[in-house]
Amino acid sequence: MTVERIVRGMAGFFILVSLLLAHFHSPYWLWFTAFVGMNLFQSSLTNWCPAMTILKRIGFKYSCP
């Protein structure tokens, strides 16, 4: 599995979980959804994401060198 696929999977998972928590627990969880969305947006502009750095250090590879 590549870093890019893991990051997309993590983002999708966090968004779905935060939406479920907002629906069943508290609407304040939507702030976490917004945080994940903003991280995805800034990653598209800067091509840098904290999760990508951590996954690279763990040993996962990028899809393109």
PDB file of N, CA and C in Angstrom:
ATOM      1  N   MET A   1       0.840  -1.179   0.000  1.00  0.00           N
ATOM      2  CA  MET A   1       0.000   0.000   0.000  1.00  0.00           C
ATOM      3  C   MET A   1       0.888   1.246   0.000  1.00  0.00           C
ATOM      4  N   THR A   2       0.441   2.255  -0.722  1.00  0.00           N
ATOM      5  CA  THR A   2       1.242   3.470  -0.828  1.00  0.00           C
ATOM      6  C   THR A   2       0.751   4.537   0.149  1.00  0.00           C
ATOM      7  N   VAL A   3       1.611   5.518   0.376  1.00  0.00           N
ATOM      8  CA  VAL A   3       1.306   6.609   1.294  1.00  0.00           C
ATOM      9  C   VAL A   3       0.039   7.344   0.852  1.00  0.00           C
ATOM     10  N   GLU A   4      -0.075   7.592  -0.440  1.00  0.00           N
ATOM     11  CA  GLU A   4      -1.231   8.336  -0.945  1.00  0.00           C
ATOM     12  C   GLU A   4      -2.539   7.611  -0.671  1.00  0.00           C
ATOM     13  N   ARG A   5      -2.566   6.309  -0.884  1.00  0.00           N
ATOM     14  CA  ARG A   5      -3.794   5.532  -0.647  1.00  0.00           C
ATOM     15  C   ARG A   5      -4.128   5.479   0.830  1.00  0.00           C
ATOM     16  N   ILE A   6      -3.130   5.351   1.676  1.00  0.00           N
ATOM     17  CA  ILE A   6      -3.377   5.309   3.118  1.00  0.00           C
ATOM     18  C   ILE A   6      -3.934   6.641   3.599  1.00  0.00           C
ATOM     19  N   VAL A   7      -3.373   7.754   3.128  1.00  0.00           N
ATOM     20  CA  VAL A   7      -3.856   9.076   3.547  1.00  0.00           C
ATOM     21  C   VAL A   7      -5.297   9.288   3.102  1.00  0.00           C
ATOM     22  N   ARG A   8      -5.628   8.918   1.867  1.00  0.00           N
ATOM     23  CA  ARG A   8      -7.012   9.052   1.399  1.00  0.00           C
ATOM     24  C   ARG A   8      -7.944   8.181   2.222  1.00  0.00           C
ATOM     25  N   GLY A   9      -7.514   6.965   2.550  1.00  0.00           N
ATOM     26  CA  GLY A   9      -8.332   6.081   3.380  1.00  0.00           C
ATOM     27  C   GLY A   9      -8.532   6.620   4.785  1.00  0.00           C
ATOM     28  N   MET A  10      -7.463   7.153   5.365  1.00  0.00           N
ATOM     29  CA  MET A  10      -7.573   7.737   6.707  1.00  0.00           C
ATOM     30  C   MET A  10      -8.513   8.930   6.703  1.00  0.00           C
ATOM     31  N   ALA A  11      -8.390   9.795   5.707  1.00  0.00           N
ATOM     32  CA  ALA A  11      -9.244  10.981   5.633  1.00  0.00           C
ATOM     33  C   ALA A  11     -10.712  10.579   5.491  1.00  0.00           C
ATOM     34  N   GLY A  12     -10.985   9.636   4.613  1.00  0.00           N
ATOM     35  CA  GLY A  12     -12.363   9.165   4.455  1.00  0.00           C
ATOM     36  C   GLY A  12     -12.908   8.544   5.725  1.00  0.00           C
ATOM     37  N   PHE A  13     -12.087   7.756   6.391  1.00  0.00           N
ATOM     38  CA  PHE A  13     -12.507   7.126   7.647  1.00  0.00           C
ATOM     39  C   PHE A  13     -12.808   8.173   8.710  1.00  0.00           C
ATOM     40  N   PHE A  14     -11.903   9.150   8.880  1.00  0.00           N
ATOM     41  CA  PHE A  14     -12.120  10.192   9.892  1.00  0.00           C
ATOM     42  C   PHE A  14     -13.360  11.032   9.593  1.00  0.00           C
ATOM     43  N   ILE A  15     -13.592  11.329   8.327  1.00  0.00           N
ATOM     44  CA  ILE A  15     -14.772  12.112   7.973  1.00  0.00           C
ATOM     45  C   ILE A  15     -16.043  11.336   8.283  1.00  0.00           C
ATOM     46  N   LEU A  16     -16.096  10.069   7.898  1.00  0.00           N
ATOM     47  CA  LEU A  16     -17.293   9.269   8.171  1.00  0.00           C
ATOM     48  C   LEU A  16     -17.537   9.094   9.663  1.00  0.00           C
ATOM     49  N   VAL A  17     -16.478   8.834  10.430  1.00  0.00           N
ATOM     50  CA  VAL A  17     -16.630   8.665  11.876  1.00  0.00           C
ATOM     51  C   VAL A  17     -17.084   9.972  12.522  1.00  0.00           C
ATOM     52  N   SER A  18     -16.495  11.097  12.099  1.00  0.00           N
ATOM     53  CA  SER A  18     -16.895  12.371  12.703  1.00  0.00           C
ATOM     54  C   SER A  18     -18.334  12.727  12.342  1.00  0.00           C
ATOM     55  N   LEU A  19     -18.788  12.376  11.143  1.00  0.00           N
ATOM     56  CA  LEU A  19     -20.191  12.613  10.790  1.00  0.00           C
ATOM     57  C   LEU A  19     -21.130  11.760  11.629  1.00  0.00           C
ATOM     58  N   LEU A  20     -20.757  10.509  11.859  1.00  0.00           N
ATOM     59  CA  LEU A  20     -21.572   9.649  12.735  1.00  0.00           C
ATOM     60  C   LEU A  20     -21.602  10.192  14.161  1.00  0.00           C
ATOM     61  N   LEU A  21     -20.455  10.632  14.653  1.00  0.00           N
ATOM     62  CA  LEU A  21     -20.410  11.199  16.005  1.00  0.00           C
ATOM     63  C   LEU A  21     -21.222  12.492  16.093  1.00  0.00           C
ATOM     64  N   ALA A  22     -21.182  13.293  15.038  1.00  0.00           N
ATOM     65  CA  ALA A  22     -21.972  14.529  15.034  1.00  0.00           C
ATOM     66  C   ALA A  22     -23.463  14.221  15.034  1.00  0.00           C
ATOM     67  N   HIS A  23     -23.844  13.177  14.338  1.00  0.00           N
ATOM     68  CA  HIS A  23     -25.261  12.819  14.275  1.00  0.00           C
ATOM     69  C   HIS A  23     -25.758  12.224  15.589  1.00  0.00           C
ATOM     70  N   PHE A  24     -24.966  11.348  16.187  1.00  0.00           N
ATOM     71  CA  PHE A  24     -25.423  10.615  17.370  1.00  0.00           C
ATOM     72  C   PHE A  24     -24.965  11.204  18.700  1.00  0.00           C
ATOM     73  N   HIS A  25     -23.920  12.016  18.705  1.00  0.00           N
ATOM     74  CA  HIS A  25     -23.378  12.491  19.973  1.00  0.00           C
ATOM     75  C   HIS A  25     -23.487  14.004  20.124  1.00  0.00           C
ATOM     76  N   SER A  26     -22.756  14.738  19.275  1.00  0.00           N
ATOM     77  CA  SER A  26     -22.732  16.199  19.407  1.00  0.00           C
ATOM     78  C   SER A  26     -22.381  16.829  18.059  1.00  0.00           C
ATOM     79  N   PRO A  27     -23.060  17.897  17.692  1.00  0.00           N
ATOM     80  CA  PRO A  27     -22.727  18.554  16.418  1.00  0.00           C
ATOM     81  C   PRO A  27     -21.343  19.205  16.408  1.00  0.00           C
ATOM     82  N   TYR A  28     -20.727  19.330  17.570  1.00  0.00           N
ATOM     83  CA  TYR A  28     -19.376  19.895  17.617  1.00  0.00           C
ATOM     84  C   TYR A  28     -18.351  19.016  16.904  1.00  0.00           C
ATOM     85  N   TRP A  29     -18.677  17.758  16.654  1.00  0.00           N
ATOM     86  CA  TRP A  29     -17.779  16.883  15.907  1.00  0.00           C
ATOM     87  C   TRP A  29     -17.617  17.344  14.457  1.00  0.00           C
ATOM     88  N   LEU A  30     -18.517  18.191  13.982  1.00  0.00           N
ATOM     89  CA  LEU A  30     -18.377  18.708  12.620  1.00  0.00           C
ATOM     90  C   LEU A  30     -17.138  19.586  12.483  1.00  0.00           C
ATOM     91  N   TRP A  31     -16.659  20.135  13.595  1.00  0.00           N
ATOM     92  CA  TRP A  31     -15.393  20.885  13.553  1.00  0.00           C
ATOM     93  C   TRP A  31     -14.229  19.967  13.166  1.00  0.00           C
ATOM     94  N   PHE A  32     -14.275  18.725  13.625  1.00  0.00           N
ATOM     95  CA  PHE A  32     -13.230  17.760  13.245  1.00  0.00           C
ATOM     96  C   PHE A  32     -13.331  17.439  11.756  1.00  0.00           C
ATOM     97  N   THR A  33     -14.564  17.327  11.240  1.00  0.00           N
ATOM     98  CA  THR A  33     -14.761  17.110   9.809  1.00  0.00           C
ATOM     99  C   THR A  33     -14.161  18.266   9.018  1.00  0.00           C
ATOM    100  N   ALA A  34     -14.399  19.490   9.476  1.00  0.00           N
ATOM    101  CA  ALA A  34     -13.841  20.674   8.807  1.00  0.00           C
ATOM    102  C   ALA A  34     -12.316  20.674   8.871  1.00  0.00           C
ATOM    103  N   PHE A  35     -11.760  20.250   9.995  1.00  0.00           N
ATOM    104  CA  PHE A  35     -10.305  20.179  10.143  1.00  0.00           C
ATOM    105  C   PHE A  35      -9.696  19.208   9.135  1.00  0.00           C
ATOM    106  N   VAL A  36     -10.303  18.049   8.986  1.00  0.00           N
ATOM    107  CA  VAL A  36      -9.807  17.064   8.017  1.00  0.00           C
ATOM    108  C   VAL A  36      -9.921  17.625   6.606  1.00  0.00           C
ATOM    109  N   GLY A  37     -11.037  18.272   6.300  1.00  0.00           N
ATOM    110  CA  GLY A  37     -11.210  18.866   4.979  1.00  0.00           C
ATOM    111  C   GLY A  37     -10.188  19.951   4.690  1.00  0.00           C
ATOM    112  N   MET A  38      -9.908  20.785   5.680  1.00  0.00           N
ATOM    113  CA  MET A  38      -8.907  21.835   5.492  1.00  0.00           C
ATOM    114  C   MET A  38      -7.509  21.250   5.301  1.00  0.00           C
ATOM    115  N   ASN A  39      -7.200  20.170   6.012  1.00  0.00           N
ATOM    116  CA  ASN A  39      -5.906  19.514   5.809  1.00  0.00           C
ATOM    117  C   ASN A  39      -5.799  18.950   4.398  1.00  0.00           C
ATOM    118  N   LEU A  40      -6.884  18.363   3.895  1.00  0.00           N
ATOM    119  CA  LEU A  40      -6.865  17.857   2.524  1.00  0.00           C
ATOM    120  C   LEU A  40      -6.676  18.994   1.525  1.00  0.00           C
ATOM    121  N   PHE A  41      -7.343  20.127   1.770  1.00  0.00           N
ATOM    122  CA  PHE A  41      -7.226  21.273   0.874  1.00  0.00           C
ATOM    123  C   PHE A  41      -5.807  21.834   0.881  1.00  0.00           C
ATOM    124  N   GLN A  42      -5.236  22.049   2.059  1.00  0.00           N
ATOM    125  CA  GLN A  42      -3.872  22.594   2.102  1.00  0.00           C
ATOM    126  C   GLN A  42      -2.874  21.602   1.522  1.00  0.00           C
ATOM    127  N   SER A  43      -3.130  20.308   1.667  1.00  0.00           N
ATOM    128  CA  SER A  43      -2.253  19.297   1.076  1.00  0.00           C
ATOM    129  C   SER A  43      -2.284  19.370  -0.448  1.00  0.00           C
ATOM    130  N   SER A  44      -3.451  19.678  -1.011  1.00  0.00           N
ATOM    131  CA  SER A  44      -3.536  19.788  -2.475  1.00  0.00           C
ATOM    132  C   SER A  44      -2.758  21.001  -2.984  1.00  0.00           C
ATOM    133  N   LEU A  45      -2.649  22.036  -2.171  1.00  0.00           N
ATOM    134  CA  LEU A  45      -1.918  23.240  -2.587  1.00  0.00           C
ATOM    135  C   LEU A  45      -0.420  23.136  -2.346  1.00  0.00           C
ATOM    136  N   THR A  46      -0.027  22.500  -1.247  1.00  0.00           N
ATOM    137  CA  THR A  46       1.382  22.476  -0.862  1.00  0.00           C
ATOM    138  C   THR A  46       2.068  21.139  -1.124  1.00  0.00           C
ATOM    139  N   ASN A  47       1.286  20.107  -1.414  1.00  0.00           N
ATOM    140  CA  ASN A  47       1.809  18.747  -1.602  1.00  0.00           C
ATOM    141  C   ASN A  47       2.540  18.254  -0.354  1.00  0.00           C
ATOM    142  N   TRP A  48       2.083  18.694   0.815  1.00  0.00           N
ATOM    143  CA  TRP A  48       2.643  18.245   2.088  1.00  0.00           C
ATOM    144  C   TRP A  48       1.502  17.987   3.065  1.00  0.00           C
ATOM    145  N   CYS A  49       1.625  16.881   3.784  1.00  0.00           N
ATOM    146  CA  CYS A  49       0.619  16.506   4.764  1.00  0.00           C
ATOM    147  C   CYS A  49       1.359  15.856   5.940  1.00  0.00           C
ATOM    148  N   PRO A  50       1.022  16.217   7.174  1.00  0.00           N
ATOM    149  CA  PRO A  50       1.709  15.613   8.322  1.00  0.00           C
ATOM    150  C   PRO A  50       1.605  14.084   8.336  1.00  0.00           C
ATOM    151  N   ALA A  51       0.461  13.556   7.952  1.00  0.00           N
ATOM    152  CA  ALA A  51       0.303  12.096   7.938  1.00  0.00           C
ATOM    153  C   ALA A  51       1.244  11.451   6.922  1.00  0.00           C
ATOM    154  N   MET A  52       1.463  12.117   5.791  1.00  0.00           N
ATOM    155  CA  MET A  52       2.381  11.576   4.784  1.00  0.00           C
ATOM    156  C   MET A  52       3.805  11.499   5.321  1.00  0.00           C
ATOM    157  N   THR A  53       4.215  12.507   6.069  1.00  0.00           N
ATOM    158  CA  THR A  53       5.555  12.517   6.649  1.00  0.00           C
ATOM    159  C   THR A  53       5.716  11.365   7.640  1.00  0.00           C
ATOM    160  N   ILE A  54       4.724  11.163   8.476  1.00  0.00           N
ATOM    161  CA  ILE A  54       4.776  10.078   9.468  1.00  0.00           C
ATOM    162  C   ILE A  54       4.798   8.722   8.778  1.00  0.00           C
ATOM    163  N   LEU A  55       3.934   8.528   7.782  1.00  0.00           N
ATOM    164  CA  LEU A  55       3.886   7.238   7.081  1.00  0.00           C
ATOM    165  C   LEU A  55       5.187   6.962   6.343  1.00  0.00           C
ATOM    166  N   LYS A  56       5.802   7.989   5.773  1.00  0.00           N
ATOM    167  CA  LYS A  56       7.086   7.811   5.081  1.00  0.00           C
ATOM    168  C   LYS A  56       8.172   7.375   6.061  1.00  0.00           C
ATOM    169  N   ARG A  57       8.178   7.968   7.268  1.00  0.00           N
ATOM    170  CA  ARG A  57       9.175   7.584   8.276  1.00  0.00           C
ATOM    171  C   ARG A  57       8.958   6.166   8.779  1.00  0.00           C
ATOM    172  N   ILE A  58       7.697   5.718   8.795  1.00  0.00           N
ATOM    173  CA  ILE A  58       7.405   4.347   9.219  1.00  0.00           C
ATOM    174  C   ILE A  58       7.921   3.347   8.191  1.00  0.00           C
ATOM    175  N   GLY A  59       7.963   3.769   6.917  1.00  0.00           N
ATOM    176  CA  GLY A  59       8.512   2.886   5.897  1.00  0.00           C
ATOM    177  C   GLY A  59       7.631   2.654   4.691  1.00  0.00           C
ATOM    178  N   PHE A  60       6.492   3.319   4.612  1.00  0.00           N
ATOM    179  CA  PHE A  60       5.638   3.173   3.440  1.00  0.00           C
ATOM    180  C   PHE A  60       6.226   3.965   2.284  1.00  0.00           C
ATOM    181  N   LYS A  61       5.965   3.509   1.080  1.00  0.00           N
ATOM    182  CA  LYS A  61       6.536   4.137  -0.115  1.00  0.00           C
ATOM    183  C   LYS A  61       5.496   4.989  -0.825  1.00  0.00           C
ATOM    184  N   TYR A  62       5.984   6.006  -1.550  1.00  0.00           N
ATOM    185  CA  TYR A  62       5.138   6.817  -2.411  1.00  0.00           C
ATOM    186  C   TYR A  62       4.882   6.055  -3.698  1.00  0.00           C
ATOM    187  N   SER A  63       3.781   6.387  -4.374  1.00  0.00           N
ATOM    188  CA  SER A  63       3.448   5.679  -5.607  1.00  0.00           C
ATOM    189  C   SER A  63       4.392   6.077  -6.738  1.00  0.00           C
ATOM    190  N   CYS A  64       4.837   7.343  -6.755  1.00  0.00           N
ATOM    191  CA  CYS A  64       5.780   7.816  -7.765  1.00  0.00           C
ATOM    192  C   CYS A  64       7.037   8.317  -7.069  1.00  0.00           C
ATOM    193  N   PRO A  65       8.212   7.916  -7.534  1.00  0.00           N
ATOM    194  CA  PRO A  65       9.448   8.380  -6.873  1.00  0.00           C
ATOM    195  C   PRO A  65       9.730   9.837  -7.064  1.00  0.00           C
TER     196      PRO A  65
END
